[in-house]
Amino acid sequence: MAINEPESDSKLVEKLKKGDLDAFDQIFLKYGDRLFGFTLKYLKSKEETEGLVQDVFLKIWENRKNLKKESSLKSYLFTIAYHEICQVFRKKQIHEKFLKESSVTNNWTVNMEEQLEYKATLEQIDKLIAQLPEKQRIIFIKSRKEGKSTKEISVEMGLAPGTIDNQISAALKFLRQQISENNFALLLFISVFV
């Protein structure tokens, strides 16, 4: 092979599966700019785009052992990017919905205190989610934070769809039990958004 001839995706994937950092760098050089351009069209923010592209490559690295040589690496990368973009939009919609409902109930614009309260609520929920058993936590995060369907999670984790639904229900039950009845805002947030 000539020195400057780029390696094929299947060769790069084969090396990446073995933990080859050079292969990872080559994949980044080959697809990083293309993913950046693709993502920027949707997000319109350089900072958000940079973060999302980093997340895509982090997922590739974390899931490198599950990559298939025969599958299209390019399609896989852009599919992950697309799902991440959808997740960004979903989070923005949830945030806007919360802010809108909060301002409607109070009949005035959301102030800094309410935004901090919203952030604190999210942190409390994250702490509770961290207490879930590992498999249940992973399933719950894939469902509620990554926006994946029961079927997608079922295929990804090799579990029956019924098992996925049961784990999500058990996680929600745990979260509701952990929240005191006095913390109405947190309970309302969980029932509406989680």
C-alpha atoms as a PDB file:
ATOM      1  CA  MET A   1       0.000   0.000   0.000  1.00  0.00           C
ATOM      2  CA  ALA A   2       1.299   3.485  -0.835  1.00  0.00           C
ATOM      3  CA  ILE A   3       2.291   5.622   2.148  1.00  0.00           C
ATOM      4  CA  ASN A   4      -0.308   8.352   1.538  1.00  0.00           C
ATOM      5  CA  GLU A   5      -3.123   6.048   0.461  1.00  0.00           C
ATOM      6  CA  PRO A   6      -5.942   6.264   3.002  1.00  0.00           C
ATOM      7  CA  GLU A   7      -7.099   3.047   4.596  1.00  0.00           C
ATOM      8  CA  SER A   8     -10.568   1.718   3.864  1.00  0.00           C
ATOM      9  CA  ASP A   9     -13.300   2.143   6.465  1.00  0.00           C
ATOM     10  CA  SER A  10     -13.467  -1.607   7.057  1.00  0.00           C
ATOM     11  CA  LYS A  11      -9.717  -1.711   7.850  1.00  0.00           C
ATOM     12  CA  LEU A  12     -10.062   1.303  10.141  1.00  0.00           C
ATOM     13  CA  VAL A  13     -13.024  -0.315  11.936  1.00  0.00           C
ATOM     14  CA  GLU A  14     -11.051  -3.545  12.324  1.00  0.00           C
ATOM     15  CA  LYS A  15      -8.191  -1.618  13.961  1.00  0.00           C
ATOM     16  CA  LEU A  16     -10.535   0.541  16.027  1.00  0.00           C
ATOM     17  CA  LYS A  17     -12.194  -2.566  17.484  1.00  0.00           C
ATOM     18  CA  LYS A  18      -8.760  -3.487  18.864  1.00  0.00           C
ATOM     19  CA  GLY A  19      -8.441  -0.075  20.519  1.00  0.00           C
ATOM     20  CA  ASP A  20      -6.114   1.464  17.909  1.00  0.00           C
ATOM     21  CA  LEU A  21      -6.010   5.222  18.623  1.00  0.00           C
ATOM     22  CA  ASP A  22      -4.378   5.955  15.264  1.00  0.00           C
ATOM     23  CA  ALA A  23      -7.376   4.394  13.496  1.00  0.00           C
ATOM     24  CA  PHE A  24      -9.681   6.532  15.649  1.00  0.00           C
ATOM     25  CA  ASP A  25      -7.716   9.661  14.659  1.00  0.00           C
ATOM     26  CA  GLN A  26      -7.935   8.707  10.983  1.00  0.00           C
ATOM     27  CA  ILE A  27     -11.706   8.261  11.236  1.00  0.00           C
ATOM     28  CA  PHE A  28     -11.967  11.637  12.941  1.00  0.00           C
ATOM     29  CA  LEU A  29      -9.862  13.301  10.227  1.00  0.00           C
ATOM     30  CA  LYS A  30     -11.910  11.624   7.509  1.00  0.00           C
ATOM     31  CA  TYR A  31     -15.390  12.387   8.863  1.00  0.00           C
ATOM     32  CA  GLY A  32     -15.055  15.116  11.524  1.00  0.00           C
ATOM     33  CA  ASP A  33     -15.455  18.095   9.173  1.00  0.00           C
ATOM     34  CA  ARG A  34     -18.300  16.453   7.263  1.00  0.00           C
ATOM     35  CA  LEU A  35     -20.176  15.724  10.493  1.00  0.00           C
ATOM     36  CA  PHE A  36     -19.528  19.280  11.678  1.00  0.00           C
ATOM     37  CA  GLY A  37     -21.000  20.740   8.460  1.00  0.00           C
ATOM     38  CA  PHE A  38     -23.998  18.399   8.594  1.00  0.00           C
ATOM     39  CA  THR A  39     -24.742  19.199  12.248  1.00  0.00           C
ATOM     40  CA  LEU A  40     -24.192  22.954  11.937  1.00  0.00           C
ATOM     41  CA  LYS A  41     -26.965  23.157   9.314  1.00  0.00           C
ATOM     42  CA  TYR A  42     -29.425  22.015  11.986  1.00  0.00           C
ATOM     43  CA  LEU A  43     -28.101  23.521  15.209  1.00  0.00           C
ATOM     44  CA  LYS A  44     -26.891  26.892  13.810  1.00  0.00           C
ATOM     45  CA  SER A  45     -24.474  27.115  16.740  1.00  0.00           C
ATOM     46  CA  LYS A  46     -20.763  26.437  16.419  1.00  0.00           C
ATOM     47  CA  GLU A  47     -20.392  25.615  20.145  1.00  0.00           C
ATOM     48  CA  GLU A  48     -23.337  23.192  20.217  1.00  0.00           C
ATOM     49  CA  THR A  49     -22.129  21.594  16.986  1.00  0.00           C
ATOM     50  CA  GLU A  50     -18.593  21.078  18.313  1.00  0.00           C
ATOM     51  CA  GLY A  51     -19.983  19.453  21.462  1.00  0.00           C
ATOM     52  CA  LEU A  52     -22.304  17.193  19.499  1.00  0.00           C
ATOM     53  CA  VAL A  53     -19.570  16.042  17.090  1.00  0.00           C
ATOM     54  CA  GLN A  54     -17.366  15.237  20.106  1.00  0.00           C
ATOM     55  CA  ASP A  55     -20.237  13.212  21.586  1.00  0.00           C
ATOM     56  CA  VAL A  56     -20.624  11.259  18.324  1.00  0.00           C
ATOM     57  CA  PHE A  57     -16.944  10.295  18.291  1.00  0.00           C
ATOM     58  CA  LEU A  58     -17.036   9.483  21.999  1.00  0.00           C
ATOM     59  CA  LYS A  59     -19.907   7.059  21.306  1.00  0.00           C
ATOM     60  CA  ILE A  60     -17.931   5.503  18.454  1.00  0.00           C
ATOM     61  CA  TRP A  61     -14.993   4.969  20.796  1.00  0.00           C
ATOM     62  CA  GLU A  62     -17.148   3.596  23.623  1.00  0.00           C
ATOM     63  CA  ASN A  63     -18.977   1.195  21.259  1.00  0.00           C
ATOM     64  CA  ARG A  64     -15.950   0.294  19.117  1.00  0.00           C
ATOM     65  CA  LYS A  65     -16.092  -3.404  20.045  1.00  0.00           C
ATOM     66  CA  ASN A  66     -19.644  -3.656  18.658  1.00  0.00           C
ATOM     67  CA  LEU A  67     -18.826  -2.077  15.284  1.00  0.00           C
ATOM     68  CA  LYS A  68     -19.248  -4.277  12.227  1.00  0.00           C
ATOM     69  CA  LYS A  69     -16.617  -4.141   9.480  1.00  0.00           C
ATOM     70  CA  GLU A  70     -19.187  -4.811   6.787  1.00  0.00           C
ATOM     71  CA  SER A  71     -21.492  -1.952   7.848  1.00  0.00           C
ATOM     72  CA  SER A  72     -21.087   1.552   6.455  1.00  0.00           C
ATOM     73  CA  LEU A  73     -19.070   3.578   8.950  1.00  0.00           C
ATOM     74  CA  LYS A  74     -20.192   6.815   7.303  1.00  0.00           C
ATOM     75  CA  SER A  75     -23.887   5.889   7.643  1.00  0.00           C
ATOM     76  CA  TYR A  76     -23.339   4.831  11.245  1.00  0.00           C
ATOM     77  CA  LEU A  77     -21.651   8.140  12.134  1.00  0.00           C
ATOM     78  CA  PHE A  78     -24.318  10.258  10.475  1.00  0.00           C
ATOM     79  CA  THR A  79     -27.118   8.197  12.041  1.00  0.00           C
ATOM     80  CA  ILE A  80     -25.659   8.796  15.507  1.00  0.00           C
ATOM     81  CA  ALA A  81     -25.295  12.512  14.693  1.00  0.00           C
ATOM     82  CA  TYR A  82     -28.910  12.677  13.515  1.00  0.00           C
ATOM     83  CA  HIS A  83     -30.172  11.029  16.728  1.00  0.00           C
ATOM     84  CA  GLU A  84     -28.055  13.413  18.811  1.00  0.00           C
ATOM     85  CA  ILE A  85     -29.484  16.408  16.893  1.00  0.00           C
ATOM     86  CA  CYS A  86     -33.024  15.127  17.544  1.00  0.00           C
ATOM     87  CA  GLN A  87     -32.131  14.788  21.232  1.00  0.00           C
ATOM     88  CA  VAL A  88     -30.921  18.397  21.358  1.00  0.00           C
ATOM     89  CA  PHE A  89     -34.215  19.587  19.842  1.00  0.00           C
ATOM     90  CA  ARG A  90     -36.201  17.379  22.243  1.00  0.00           C
ATOM     91  CA  LYS A  91     -34.393  18.849  25.262  1.00  0.00           C
ATOM     92  CA  LYS A  92     -35.007  22.380  23.981  1.00  0.00           C
ATOM     93  CA  GLN A  93     -38.714  21.635  23.548  1.00  0.00           C
ATOM     94  CA  ILE A  94     -38.971  20.219  27.083  1.00  0.00           C
ATOM     95  CA  HIS A  95     -37.142  23.244  28.479  1.00  0.00           C
ATOM     96  CA  GLU A  96     -39.360  25.672  26.542  1.00  0.00           C
ATOM     97  CA  LYS A  97     -42.502  23.783  27.595  1.00  0.00           C
ATOM     98  CA  PHE A  98     -41.475  23.970  31.241  1.00  0.00           C
ATOM     99  CA  LEU A  99     -40.702  27.682  30.993  1.00  0.00           C
ATOM    100  CA  LYS A 100     -43.961  28.387  29.144  1.00  0.00           C
ATOM    101  CA  GLU A 101     -46.109  26.460  31.648  1.00  0.00           C
ATOM    102  CA  SER A 102     -44.309  28.100  34.528  1.00  0.00           C
ATOM    103  CA  SER A 103     -44.916  31.595  33.129  1.00  0.00           C
ATOM    104  CA  VAL A 104     -48.573  30.827  32.337  1.00  0.00           C
ATOM    105  CA  THR A 105     -49.302  29.675  35.878  1.00  0.00           C
ATOM    106  CA  ASN A 106     -47.610  32.717  37.398  1.00  0.00           C
ATOM    107  CA  ASN A 107     -48.710  35.235  34.719  1.00  0.00           C
ATOM    108  CA  TRP A 108     -45.278  36.816  34.570  1.00  0.00           C
ATOM    109  CA  THR A 109     -42.001  36.210  32.821  1.00  0.00           C
ATOM    110  CA  VAL A 110     -39.786  33.488  34.233  1.00  0.00           C
ATOM    111  CA  ASN A 111     -37.102  35.077  36.376  1.00  0.00           C
ATOM    112  CA  MET A 112     -33.642  33.914  37.311  1.00  0.00           C
ATOM    113  CA  GLU A 113     -34.829  32.272  40.527  1.00  0.00           C
ATOM    114  CA  GLU A 114     -37.221  29.986  38.620  1.00  0.00           C
ATOM    115  CA  GLN A 115     -34.535  29.047  36.129  1.00  0.00           C
ATOM    116  CA  LEU A 116     -32.242  28.086  39.007  1.00  0.00           C
ATOM    117  CA  GLU A 117     -35.083  26.087  40.555  1.00  0.00           C
ATOM    118  CA  TYR A 118     -35.553  24.268  37.241  1.00  0.00           C
ATOM    119  CA  LYS A 119     -31.832  23.454  37.135  1.00  0.00           C
ATOM    120  CA  ALA A 120     -31.922  22.235  40.752  1.00  0.00           C
ATOM    121  CA  THR A 121     -34.931  20.040  39.892  1.00  0.00           C
ATOM    122  CA  LEU A 122     -32.997  18.443  37.021  1.00  0.00           C
ATOM    123  CA  GLU A 123     -30.033  17.841  39.340  1.00  0.00           C
ATOM    124  CA  GLN A 124     -32.278  16.189  41.948  1.00  0.00           C
ATOM    125  CA  ILE A 125     -33.757  13.900  39.303  1.00  0.00           C
ATOM    126  CA  ASP A 126     -30.270  12.993  38.028  1.00  0.00           C
ATOM    127  CA  LYS A 127     -29.202  12.092  41.589  1.00  0.00           C
ATOM    128  CA  LEU A 128     -32.237   9.829  41.964  1.00  0.00           C
ATOM    129  CA  ILE A 129     -31.614   8.212  38.571  1.00  0.00           C
ATOM    130  CA  ALA A 130     -28.028   7.475  39.677  1.00  0.00           C
ATOM    131  CA  GLN A 131     -29.471   5.372  42.540  1.00  0.00           C
ATOM    132  CA  LEU A 132     -31.282   2.981  40.172  1.00  0.00           C
ATOM    133  CA  PRO A 133     -29.811  -0.503  39.640  1.00  0.00           C
ATOM    134  CA  GLU A 134     -27.301  -0.390  36.751  1.00  0.00           C
ATOM    135  CA  LYS A 135     -29.358  -2.150  34.043  1.00  0.00           C
ATOM    136  CA  GLN A 136     -32.511  -0.264  35.010  1.00  0.00           C
ATOM    137  CA  ARG A 137     -30.613   3.042  35.002  1.00  0.00           C
ATOM    138  CA  ILE A 138     -29.145   2.384  31.541  1.00  0.00           C
ATOM    139  CA  ILE A 139     -32.571   1.475  30.127  1.00  0.00           C
ATOM    140  CA  PHE A 140     -34.218   4.504  31.756  1.00  0.00           C
ATOM    141  CA  ILE A 141     -31.571   6.906  30.412  1.00  0.00           C
ATOM    142  CA  LYS A 142     -31.822   5.429  26.912  1.00  0.00           C
ATOM    143  CA  SER A 143     -35.600   5.866  27.039  1.00  0.00           C
ATOM    144  CA  ARG A 144     -36.049   9.224  28.744  1.00  0.00           C
ATOM    145  CA  LYS A 145     -32.828  11.108  28.042  1.00  0.00           C
ATOM    146  CA  GLU A 146     -31.776   9.673  24.687  1.00  0.00           C
ATOM    147  CA  GLY A 147     -35.365   9.422  23.452  1.00  0.00           C
ATOM    148  CA  LYS A 148     -35.024   5.838  22.209  1.00  0.00           C
ATOM    149  CA  SER A 149     -38.075   3.632  21.679  1.00  0.00           C
ATOM    150  CA  THR A 150     -38.663   0.373  23.537  1.00  0.00           C
ATOM    151  CA  LYS A 151     -37.879  -1.504  20.311  1.00  0.00           C
ATOM    152  CA  GLU A 152     -34.561   0.332  19.791  1.00  0.00           C
ATOM    153  CA  ILE A 153     -33.475  -0.350  23.380  1.00  0.00           C
ATOM    154  CA  SER A 154     -34.618  -3.967  23.108  1.00  0.00           C
ATOM    155  CA  VAL A 155     -32.450  -4.547  20.009  1.00  0.00           C
ATOM    156  CA  GLU A 156     -29.501  -2.614  21.445  1.00  0.00           C
ATOM    157  CA  MET A 157     -29.473  -4.485  24.774  1.00  0.00           C
ATOM    158  CA  GLY A 158     -30.691  -7.884  23.574  1.00  0.00           C
ATOM    159  CA  LEU A 159     -33.687  -7.870  25.925  1.00  0.00           C
ATOM    160  CA  ALA A 160     -37.397  -8.483  25.335  1.00  0.00           C
ATOM    161  CA  PRO A 161     -39.520  -5.336  24.805  1.00  0.00           C
ATOM    162  CA  GLY A 162     -41.647  -6.329  27.810  1.00  0.00           C
ATOM    163  CA  THR A 163     -38.531  -6.379  29.996  1.00  0.00           C
ATOM    164  CA  ILE A 164     -37.620  -2.882  28.800  1.00  0.00           C
ATOM    165  CA  ASP A 165     -41.122  -1.556  29.619  1.00  0.00           C
ATOM    166  CA  ASN A 166     -41.061  -3.242  33.053  1.00  0.00           C
ATOM    167  CA  GLN A 167     -37.679  -1.704  33.876  1.00  0.00           C
ATOM    168  CA  ILE A 168     -38.892   1.779  32.861  1.00  0.00           C
ATOM    169  CA  SER A 169     -42.071   1.387  34.954  1.00  0.00           C
ATOM    170  CA  ALA A 170     -40.038   0.212  37.950  1.00  0.00           C
ATOM    171  CA  ALA A 171     -37.687   3.188  37.567  1.00  0.00           C
ATOM    172  CA  LEU A 172     -40.602   5.661  37.442  1.00  0.00           C
ATOM    173  CA  LYS A 173     -42.180   4.022  40.507  1.00  0.00           C
ATOM    174  CA  PHE A 174     -38.885   4.344  42.397  1.00  0.00           C
ATOM    175  CA  LEU A 175     -38.527   8.018  41.433  1.00  0.00           C
ATOM    176  CA  ARG A 176     -42.054   8.835  42.590  1.00  0.00           C
ATOM    177  CA  GLN A 177     -41.531   6.984  45.880  1.00  0.00           C
ATOM    178  CA  GLN A 178     -38.309   8.876  46.593  1.00  0.00           C
ATOM    179  CA  ILE A 179     -39.903  12.286  46.199  1.00  0.00           C
ATOM    180  CA  SER A 180     -41.593  13.600  49.297  1.00  0.00           C
ATOM    181  CA  GLU A 181     -45.179  14.707  48.916  1.00  0.00           C
ATOM    182  CA  ASN A 182     -44.045  18.148  50.073  1.00  0.00           C
ATOM    183  CA  ASN A 183     -41.911  18.595  46.966  1.00  0.00           C
ATOM    184  CA  PHE A 184     -44.829  19.215  44.638  1.00  0.00           C
ATOM    185  CA  ALA A 185     -42.713  20.940  41.951  1.00  0.00           C
ATOM    186  CA  LEU A 186     -40.422  17.925  41.588  1.00  0.00           C
ATOM    187  CA  LEU A 187     -43.343  15.496  41.560  1.00  0.00           C
ATOM    188  CA  LEU A 188     -45.112  17.597  38.910  1.00  0.00           C
ATOM    189  CA  PHE A 189     -41.927  17.762  36.823  1.00  0.00           C
ATOM    190  CA  ILE A 190     -41.552  13.974  36.894  1.00  0.00           C
ATOM    191  CA  SER A 191     -45.191  13.371  35.956  1.00  0.00           C
ATOM    192  CA  VAL A 192     -45.035  15.833  33.048  1.00  0.00           C
ATOM    193  CA  PHE A 193     -41.548  15.384  31.646  1.00  0.00           C
ATOM    194  CA  VAL A 194     -40.133  12.051  32.848  1.00  0.00           C
END
